[in-house]
N, C-alpha and C. Protein backbone atom coordinates (compact mmCIF):
# COMPACT_ATOMS: atom_id res chain seq x y z
N UNK A 1 -26.33 32.38 -21.49
CA UNK A 1 -25.53 31.47 -20.67
C UNK A 1 -26.41 30.75 -19.68
N UNK A 2 -26.30 29.38 -19.65
CA UNK A 2 -27.11 28.52 -18.80
C UNK A 2 -26.47 28.48 -17.44
N UNK A 3 -27.28 28.06 -16.49
CA UNK A 3 -26.83 27.93 -15.12
C UNK A 3 -25.77 26.84 -14.95
N UNK A 4 -25.77 25.84 -15.88
CA UNK A 4 -24.79 24.81 -15.74
C UNK A 4 -23.45 25.32 -16.09
N UNK A 5 -23.33 26.42 -16.98
CA UNK A 5 -22.06 26.96 -17.32
C UNK A 5 -21.35 27.65 -16.15
N UNK A 6 -22.14 28.08 -15.13
CA UNK A 6 -21.58 28.68 -13.98
C UNK A 6 -20.57 27.84 -13.31
N UNK A 7 -20.92 26.51 -13.17
CA UNK A 7 -20.00 25.56 -12.52
C UNK A 7 -18.67 25.49 -13.21
N UNK A 8 -18.65 25.40 -14.57
CA UNK A 8 -17.52 25.28 -15.32
C UNK A 8 -16.63 26.57 -15.27
N UNK A 9 -17.28 27.74 -15.35
CA UNK A 9 -16.57 28.98 -15.34
C UNK A 9 -15.92 29.14 -13.93
N UNK A 10 -16.72 28.94 -12.80
CA UNK A 10 -16.29 29.12 -11.42
C UNK A 10 -15.21 28.05 -11.18
N UNK A 11 -15.28 26.89 -11.70
CA UNK A 11 -14.25 25.80 -11.50
C UNK A 11 -12.94 26.15 -12.20
N UNK A 12 -13.08 26.65 -13.32
CA UNK A 12 -11.88 27.14 -14.03
C UNK A 12 -11.14 28.30 -13.34
N UNK A 13 -12.02 29.17 -12.75
CA UNK A 13 -11.34 30.32 -11.94
C UNK A 13 -10.72 29.68 -10.62
N UNK A 14 -11.34 28.70 -10.06
CA UNK A 14 -10.74 28.09 -8.85
C UNK A 14 -9.43 27.41 -9.26
N UNK A 15 -9.50 26.82 -10.39
CA UNK A 15 -8.20 26.11 -10.77
C UNK A 15 -7.14 27.11 -11.07
N UNK A 16 -7.38 28.23 -11.78
CA UNK A 16 -6.46 29.26 -11.99
C UNK A 16 -5.92 29.98 -10.63
N UNK A 17 -6.71 30.19 -9.73
CA UNK A 17 -6.28 30.67 -8.45
C UNK A 17 -5.47 29.73 -7.70
N UNK A 18 -5.77 28.43 -7.75
CA UNK A 18 -4.85 27.39 -7.21
C UNK A 18 -3.49 27.43 -7.78
N UNK A 19 -3.33 27.63 -9.08
CA UNK A 19 -1.99 27.75 -9.71
C UNK A 19 -1.36 29.01 -9.21
N UNK A 20 -2.12 30.06 -9.08
CA UNK A 20 -1.60 31.39 -8.57
C UNK A 20 -1.10 31.31 -7.11
N UNK A 21 -1.93 30.53 -6.20
CA UNK A 21 -1.41 30.32 -4.82
C UNK A 21 -0.23 29.41 -4.84
N UNK A 22 -0.06 28.35 -5.63
CA UNK A 22 1.12 27.52 -5.75
C UNK A 22 2.27 28.27 -6.13
N UNK A 23 2.18 29.13 -7.08
CA UNK A 23 3.46 29.83 -7.53
C UNK A 23 3.77 30.88 -6.45
N UNK A 24 2.85 31.50 -5.89
CA UNK A 24 3.11 32.44 -4.69
C UNK A 24 3.75 31.73 -3.61
N UNK A 25 3.31 30.53 -3.27
CA UNK A 25 3.95 29.76 -2.16
C UNK A 25 5.40 29.36 -2.52
N UNK A 26 5.58 29.07 -3.89
CA UNK A 26 6.98 28.67 -4.34
C UNK A 26 7.83 29.88 -4.21
N UNK A 27 7.33 31.08 -4.62
CA UNK A 27 8.08 32.34 -4.51
C UNK A 27 8.51 32.61 -2.98
N UNK A 28 7.55 32.49 -2.13
CA UNK A 28 7.85 32.81 -0.76
C UNK A 28 8.76 31.71 -0.12
N UNK A 29 8.68 30.48 -0.55
CA UNK A 29 9.60 29.43 -0.03
C UNK A 29 11.02 29.71 -0.46
N UNK A 30 11.22 30.32 -1.61
CA UNK A 30 12.64 30.62 -2.14
C UNK A 30 13.00 32.05 -1.95
N UNK A 31 12.25 32.77 -1.21
CA UNK A 31 12.58 34.21 -1.16
C UNK A 31 13.85 34.58 -0.57
N UNK A 32 14.44 33.69 0.28
CA UNK A 32 15.74 33.98 0.95
C UNK A 32 16.81 32.95 0.48
N UNK A 33 16.51 32.20 -0.56
CA UNK A 33 17.57 31.29 -0.93
C UNK A 33 18.74 31.93 -1.56
N UNK A 34 19.95 31.48 -1.31
CA UNK A 34 21.21 32.15 -1.78
C UNK A 34 21.83 31.34 -2.91
N UNK A 35 22.48 32.12 -3.75
CA UNK A 35 23.22 31.45 -4.86
C UNK A 35 24.51 32.20 -5.10
N UNK A 36 25.43 31.50 -5.71
CA UNK A 36 26.78 32.12 -6.02
C UNK A 36 26.91 32.63 -7.47
N UNK A 37 25.76 32.49 -8.22
CA UNK A 37 25.83 32.97 -9.57
C UNK A 37 24.55 33.55 -10.05
N UNK A 38 24.46 34.48 -10.93
CA UNK A 38 23.15 35.00 -11.42
C UNK A 38 22.39 34.03 -12.13
N UNK A 39 22.97 33.05 -12.79
CA UNK A 39 22.32 32.11 -13.64
C UNK A 39 21.51 31.04 -12.81
N UNK A 40 22.12 30.77 -11.55
CA UNK A 40 21.50 29.70 -10.73
C UNK A 40 20.43 30.30 -9.69
N UNK A 41 20.35 31.52 -9.60
CA UNK A 41 19.56 32.20 -8.59
C UNK A 41 18.01 32.03 -9.09
N UNK A 42 17.18 31.75 -8.04
CA UNK A 42 15.74 31.69 -8.30
C UNK A 42 15.19 32.94 -8.67
N UNK A 43 14.28 32.89 -9.67
CA UNK A 43 13.51 34.07 -10.11
C UNK A 43 12.04 34.02 -9.83
N UNK A 44 11.45 35.06 -9.33
CA UNK A 44 10.03 35.04 -9.09
C UNK A 44 9.30 34.61 -10.22
N UNK A 45 8.14 33.91 -9.98
CA UNK A 45 7.31 33.29 -11.12
C UNK A 45 5.87 33.87 -10.95
N UNK A 46 5.26 34.11 -12.04
CA UNK A 46 3.80 34.63 -12.12
C UNK A 46 3.10 33.82 -13.14
N UNK A 47 1.86 33.40 -12.83
CA UNK A 47 1.10 32.73 -13.87
C UNK A 47 0.50 33.79 -14.80
N UNK A 48 0.26 33.25 -16.05
CA UNK A 48 -0.39 34.12 -17.06
C UNK A 48 -1.74 33.55 -17.32
N UNK A 49 -2.75 34.25 -17.20
CA UNK A 49 -4.14 33.94 -17.35
C UNK A 49 -4.74 34.39 -18.71
N UNK A 50 -5.65 33.66 -19.31
CA UNK A 50 -6.29 34.08 -20.52
C UNK A 50 -7.74 33.71 -20.47
N UNK A 51 -8.52 34.44 -21.24
CA UNK A 51 -9.93 34.08 -21.41
C UNK A 51 -10.13 32.82 -22.16
N UNK A 52 -10.95 31.93 -21.54
CA UNK A 52 -11.26 30.61 -22.30
C UNK A 52 -12.59 30.90 -22.94
N UNK A 53 -12.59 30.95 -24.30
CA UNK A 53 -13.87 31.13 -25.00
C UNK A 53 -14.09 30.08 -25.95
N UNK A 54 -15.37 29.70 -26.09
CA UNK A 54 -15.76 28.63 -26.99
C UNK A 54 -15.97 29.15 -28.39
N UNK A 55 -16.59 30.36 -28.40
CA UNK A 55 -16.91 31.01 -29.61
C UNK A 55 -16.53 32.44 -29.64
N UNK A 56 -15.41 32.74 -30.10
CA UNK A 56 -14.94 34.13 -30.14
C UNK A 56 -15.65 35.01 -31.16
N UNK A 57 -16.33 34.51 -32.13
CA UNK A 57 -17.03 35.26 -33.08
C UNK A 57 -18.44 35.74 -32.61
N UNK A 58 -18.97 35.11 -31.73
CA UNK A 58 -20.30 35.49 -31.14
C UNK A 58 -20.19 36.53 -30.15
N UNK A 59 -20.53 37.85 -30.54
CA UNK A 59 -20.40 38.92 -29.61
C UNK A 59 -21.43 38.82 -28.48
N UNK A 60 -20.99 39.28 -27.28
CA UNK A 60 -21.97 39.44 -26.24
C UNK A 60 -22.83 40.58 -26.46
N UNK A 61 -23.72 40.77 -25.57
CA UNK A 61 -24.84 41.82 -25.79
C UNK A 61 -24.36 43.15 -26.37
N UNK A 62 -23.32 43.74 -25.83
CA UNK A 62 -23.00 45.06 -26.29
C UNK A 62 -21.48 45.23 -26.51
N UNK A 63 -20.99 46.22 -27.16
CA UNK A 63 -19.68 46.61 -27.18
C UNK A 63 -18.66 45.59 -27.72
N UNK A 64 -19.15 44.60 -28.46
CA UNK A 64 -18.38 43.63 -29.14
C UNK A 64 -17.51 42.85 -28.09
N UNK A 65 -17.93 42.65 -26.88
CA UNK A 65 -17.12 41.95 -25.88
C UNK A 65 -17.59 40.42 -26.02
N UNK A 66 -16.70 39.52 -26.13
CA UNK A 66 -17.03 38.20 -26.36
C UNK A 66 -17.32 37.55 -25.02
N UNK A 67 -18.21 36.55 -25.18
CA UNK A 67 -18.62 35.76 -23.93
C UNK A 67 -17.62 34.76 -23.62
N UNK A 68 -17.11 34.85 -22.43
CA UNK A 68 -15.98 33.90 -21.95
C UNK A 68 -16.66 32.63 -21.37
N UNK A 69 -15.90 31.66 -21.40
CA UNK A 69 -16.25 30.38 -20.67
C UNK A 69 -15.32 30.00 -19.63
N UNK A 70 -14.78 30.96 -19.05
CA UNK A 70 -13.90 30.73 -17.94
C UNK A 70 -12.50 31.27 -18.19
N UNK A 71 -11.55 30.87 -17.40
CA UNK A 71 -10.15 31.34 -17.52
C UNK A 71 -9.35 30.12 -17.61
N UNK A 72 -8.15 30.27 -18.29
CA UNK A 72 -7.17 29.24 -18.51
C UNK A 72 -5.85 29.82 -18.12
N UNK A 73 -4.99 28.82 -17.69
CA UNK A 73 -3.62 29.20 -17.46
C UNK A 73 -2.70 28.92 -18.65
N UNK A 74 -2.24 30.09 -19.24
CA UNK A 74 -1.37 29.80 -20.46
C UNK A 74 -0.01 29.36 -20.15
N UNK A 75 0.49 29.68 -18.92
CA UNK A 75 1.84 29.34 -18.50
C UNK A 75 2.31 30.11 -17.33
N UNK A 76 3.52 29.81 -16.88
CA UNK A 76 4.07 30.60 -15.88
C UNK A 76 5.37 31.11 -16.36
N UNK A 77 5.47 32.45 -16.08
CA UNK A 77 6.74 33.20 -16.58
C UNK A 77 7.54 33.69 -15.40
N UNK A 78 8.80 33.73 -15.69
CA UNK A 78 9.78 34.27 -14.59
C UNK A 78 9.90 35.74 -14.71
N UNK A 79 10.04 36.38 -13.58
CA UNK A 79 10.16 37.83 -13.54
C UNK A 79 11.46 38.25 -14.06
N UNK A 80 11.51 39.36 -14.75
CA UNK A 80 12.81 39.94 -15.22
C UNK A 80 13.30 41.04 -14.39
N UNK A 81 12.83 41.27 -13.16
CA UNK A 81 13.24 42.19 -12.22
C UNK A 81 14.65 41.86 -11.91
N UNK A 82 15.45 42.89 -11.61
CA UNK A 82 16.84 42.63 -11.17
C UNK A 82 17.01 41.78 -9.93
N UNK A 83 17.91 40.92 -9.78
CA UNK A 83 18.18 40.13 -8.61
C UNK A 83 18.95 41.00 -7.60
N UNK A 84 18.77 40.67 -6.30
CA UNK A 84 19.47 41.30 -5.30
C UNK A 84 20.88 40.71 -5.12
N UNK A 85 21.87 41.50 -5.06
CA UNK A 85 23.29 40.97 -4.81
C UNK A 85 23.76 41.67 -3.61
N UNK A 86 24.54 40.91 -2.81
CA UNK A 86 24.92 41.42 -1.59
C UNK A 86 26.46 41.16 -1.46
N UNK A 87 27.22 42.12 -0.99
CA UNK A 87 28.69 41.80 -0.86
C UNK A 87 28.78 41.17 0.51
N UNK A 88 29.25 39.93 0.48
CA UNK A 88 29.54 39.13 1.74
C UNK A 88 30.57 38.03 1.51
N UNK A 89 31.88 38.46 1.46
CA UNK A 89 32.98 37.60 1.15
C UNK A 89 33.13 36.38 2.01
N UNK A 90 32.51 36.51 3.31
CA UNK A 90 32.65 35.39 4.19
C UNK A 90 31.55 34.39 4.06
N UNK A 91 30.66 34.61 3.26
CA UNK A 91 29.50 33.59 3.08
C UNK A 91 30.06 32.56 2.17
N UNK A 92 29.67 31.26 2.56
CA UNK A 92 30.14 30.04 1.86
C UNK A 92 29.75 30.02 0.40
N UNK A 93 28.63 30.64 0.13
CA UNK A 93 28.11 30.68 -1.24
C UNK A 93 28.63 31.92 -2.10
N UNK A 94 29.45 32.75 -1.52
CA UNK A 94 30.07 33.85 -2.23
C UNK A 94 30.75 33.48 -3.50
N UNK A 95 30.60 34.34 -4.57
CA UNK A 95 31.37 34.02 -5.77
C UNK A 95 32.81 34.55 -5.61
N UNK A 96 33.61 34.50 -6.68
CA UNK A 96 34.99 34.91 -6.63
C UNK A 96 35.17 36.45 -6.22
N UNK A 97 34.18 37.31 -6.53
CA UNK A 97 34.16 38.67 -6.16
C UNK A 97 33.56 39.03 -4.77
N UNK A 98 33.21 37.95 -4.09
CA UNK A 98 32.61 38.10 -2.69
C UNK A 98 31.09 38.39 -2.60
N UNK A 99 30.34 38.29 -3.79
CA UNK A 99 28.96 38.56 -3.86
C UNK A 99 28.14 37.27 -3.74
N UNK A 100 27.01 37.36 -3.03
CA UNK A 100 25.99 36.32 -3.01
C UNK A 100 24.77 36.90 -3.60
N UNK A 101 23.93 36.03 -4.22
CA UNK A 101 22.70 36.63 -5.00
C UNK A 101 21.56 36.05 -4.38
N UNK A 102 20.53 36.87 -4.24
CA UNK A 102 19.21 36.60 -3.74
C UNK A 102 18.11 36.74 -4.72
N UNK A 103 17.06 36.01 -4.70
CA UNK A 103 16.03 36.10 -5.68
C UNK A 103 15.38 37.53 -5.62
N UNK A 104 14.60 37.72 -6.83
CA UNK A 104 13.93 39.06 -6.96
C UNK A 104 12.53 38.99 -6.41
N UNK A 105 12.24 38.22 -5.23
CA UNK A 105 11.02 38.09 -4.74
C UNK A 105 10.65 39.10 -3.79
N UNK A 106 9.62 39.86 -3.97
CA UNK A 106 9.11 40.94 -3.03
C UNK A 106 8.12 40.28 -2.13
N UNK A 107 8.54 40.11 -0.79
CA UNK A 107 7.68 39.29 0.10
C UNK A 107 6.33 40.05 0.39
N UNK A 108 6.40 41.32 0.51
CA UNK A 108 5.19 42.03 0.67
C UNK A 108 4.18 41.85 -0.47
N UNK A 109 4.67 42.05 -1.69
CA UNK A 109 3.84 41.81 -2.94
C UNK A 109 3.32 40.36 -2.95
N UNK A 110 4.16 39.43 -2.61
CA UNK A 110 3.67 37.97 -2.63
C UNK A 110 2.63 37.75 -1.60
N UNK A 111 2.75 38.31 -0.51
CA UNK A 111 1.68 38.11 0.60
C UNK A 111 0.33 38.78 0.08
N UNK A 112 0.46 39.96 -0.57
CA UNK A 112 -0.76 40.56 -1.03
C UNK A 112 -1.44 39.74 -2.22
N UNK A 113 -0.55 39.07 -3.01
CA UNK A 113 -0.96 38.29 -4.05
C UNK A 113 -1.69 37.03 -3.53
N UNK A 114 -1.08 36.49 -2.38
CA UNK A 114 -1.66 35.31 -1.86
C UNK A 114 -3.06 35.51 -1.19
N UNK A 115 -3.17 36.75 -0.61
CA UNK A 115 -4.46 37.13 -0.01
C UNK A 115 -5.47 37.31 -1.11
N UNK A 116 -5.15 38.01 -2.25
CA UNK A 116 -6.07 38.20 -3.34
C UNK A 116 -6.47 36.88 -3.98
N UNK A 117 -5.45 35.97 -4.21
CA UNK A 117 -5.90 34.69 -4.87
C UNK A 117 -6.71 33.77 -3.91
N UNK A 118 -6.44 33.87 -2.56
CA UNK A 118 -7.34 33.15 -1.69
C UNK A 118 -8.65 33.67 -1.62
N UNK A 119 -8.76 34.94 -1.56
CA UNK A 119 -10.10 35.65 -1.67
C UNK A 119 -10.94 35.35 -2.79
N UNK A 120 -10.23 35.31 -4.01
CA UNK A 120 -10.88 34.90 -5.29
C UNK A 120 -11.33 33.61 -5.32
N UNK A 121 -10.54 32.68 -4.76
CA UNK A 121 -10.94 31.27 -4.69
C UNK A 121 -12.20 31.11 -3.88
N UNK A 122 -12.20 31.87 -2.66
CA UNK A 122 -13.42 31.79 -1.83
C UNK A 122 -14.69 32.25 -2.48
N UNK A 123 -14.49 33.42 -3.25
CA UNK A 123 -15.66 33.92 -3.97
C UNK A 123 -16.17 32.93 -4.98
N UNK A 124 -15.34 32.29 -5.66
CA UNK A 124 -15.79 31.42 -6.71
C UNK A 124 -16.43 30.16 -6.13
N UNK A 125 -15.93 29.72 -4.91
CA UNK A 125 -16.58 28.68 -4.23
C UNK A 125 -18.04 28.97 -3.75
N UNK A 126 -18.17 30.22 -3.34
CA UNK A 126 -19.48 30.81 -2.96
C UNK A 126 -20.39 30.90 -4.18
N UNK A 127 -19.79 31.23 -5.44
CA UNK A 127 -20.70 31.27 -6.55
C UNK A 127 -21.13 29.90 -6.86
N UNK A 128 -20.33 28.92 -6.77
CA UNK A 128 -20.74 27.59 -7.01
C UNK A 128 -21.75 27.09 -5.99
N UNK A 129 -21.60 27.42 -4.83
CA UNK A 129 -22.58 27.07 -3.76
C UNK A 129 -24.02 27.74 -3.99
N UNK A 130 -23.88 28.98 -4.35
CA UNK A 130 -25.15 29.70 -4.65
C UNK A 130 -25.84 29.12 -5.82
N UNK A 131 -25.13 28.76 -6.92
CA UNK A 131 -25.69 28.10 -8.11
C UNK A 131 -26.24 26.78 -7.81
N UNK A 132 -25.55 26.07 -6.92
CA UNK A 132 -26.14 24.72 -6.49
C UNK A 132 -27.46 24.91 -5.75
N UNK A 133 -27.51 25.93 -4.80
CA UNK A 133 -28.74 26.14 -4.18
C UNK A 133 -29.92 26.56 -5.06
N UNK A 134 -29.54 27.38 -6.12
CA UNK A 134 -30.45 27.79 -7.06
C UNK A 134 -31.09 26.61 -7.86
N UNK A 135 -30.20 25.65 -8.25
CA UNK A 135 -30.64 24.52 -8.98
C UNK A 135 -31.51 23.63 -8.06
N UNK A 136 -31.20 23.40 -6.79
CA UNK A 136 -31.92 22.63 -5.92
C UNK A 136 -33.29 23.17 -5.65
N UNK A 137 -33.40 24.47 -5.49
CA UNK A 137 -34.62 25.27 -5.34
C UNK A 137 -35.52 25.11 -6.54
N UNK A 138 -34.94 25.20 -7.69
CA UNK A 138 -35.63 25.07 -9.00
C UNK A 138 -36.29 23.68 -9.11
N UNK A 139 -35.48 22.73 -8.75
CA UNK A 139 -35.94 21.38 -8.82
C UNK A 139 -37.17 21.01 -7.76
N UNK A 140 -36.98 21.77 -6.66
CA UNK A 140 -38.08 21.47 -5.61
C UNK A 140 -39.32 22.27 -5.91
N UNK A 141 -39.41 23.12 -7.03
CA UNK A 141 -40.60 23.77 -7.36
C UNK A 141 -41.74 22.93 -7.78
N UNK A 142 -41.37 21.83 -8.34
CA UNK A 142 -42.34 20.81 -8.90
C UNK A 142 -42.88 19.98 -7.85
N UNK A 143 -42.47 20.04 -6.56
CA UNK A 143 -43.08 19.06 -5.58
C UNK A 143 -44.17 19.68 -4.88
């Protein structure tokens, strides 16, 4: 792996963590939204990541682990966890049975996910900065 690949790999990781932060922010923004039916209720979303590899046939040094070229976002899936329903017949959004429906967003889990994604983004930014400094020092050796 050349040093120039580090920028592409760290950049793809930063992009993936940006998607993760955006979906987490969307989940938190909709955590207390109310709906009058199960079909219209917001469901928590999570990004799905995958190894981005240029050559899956070339094994890495040991254990037949392939050399990755970063991470890619395959898509965003909705959680299949059950929605919260609350009996509140006086609520303007209550259905015919008096229930209102809340999203299946766990705020504590989302905050932990946000901290993790933010920290991962920062680490990859540091990796890019360190690689840049290494390239600059290598170029200054000839002076």
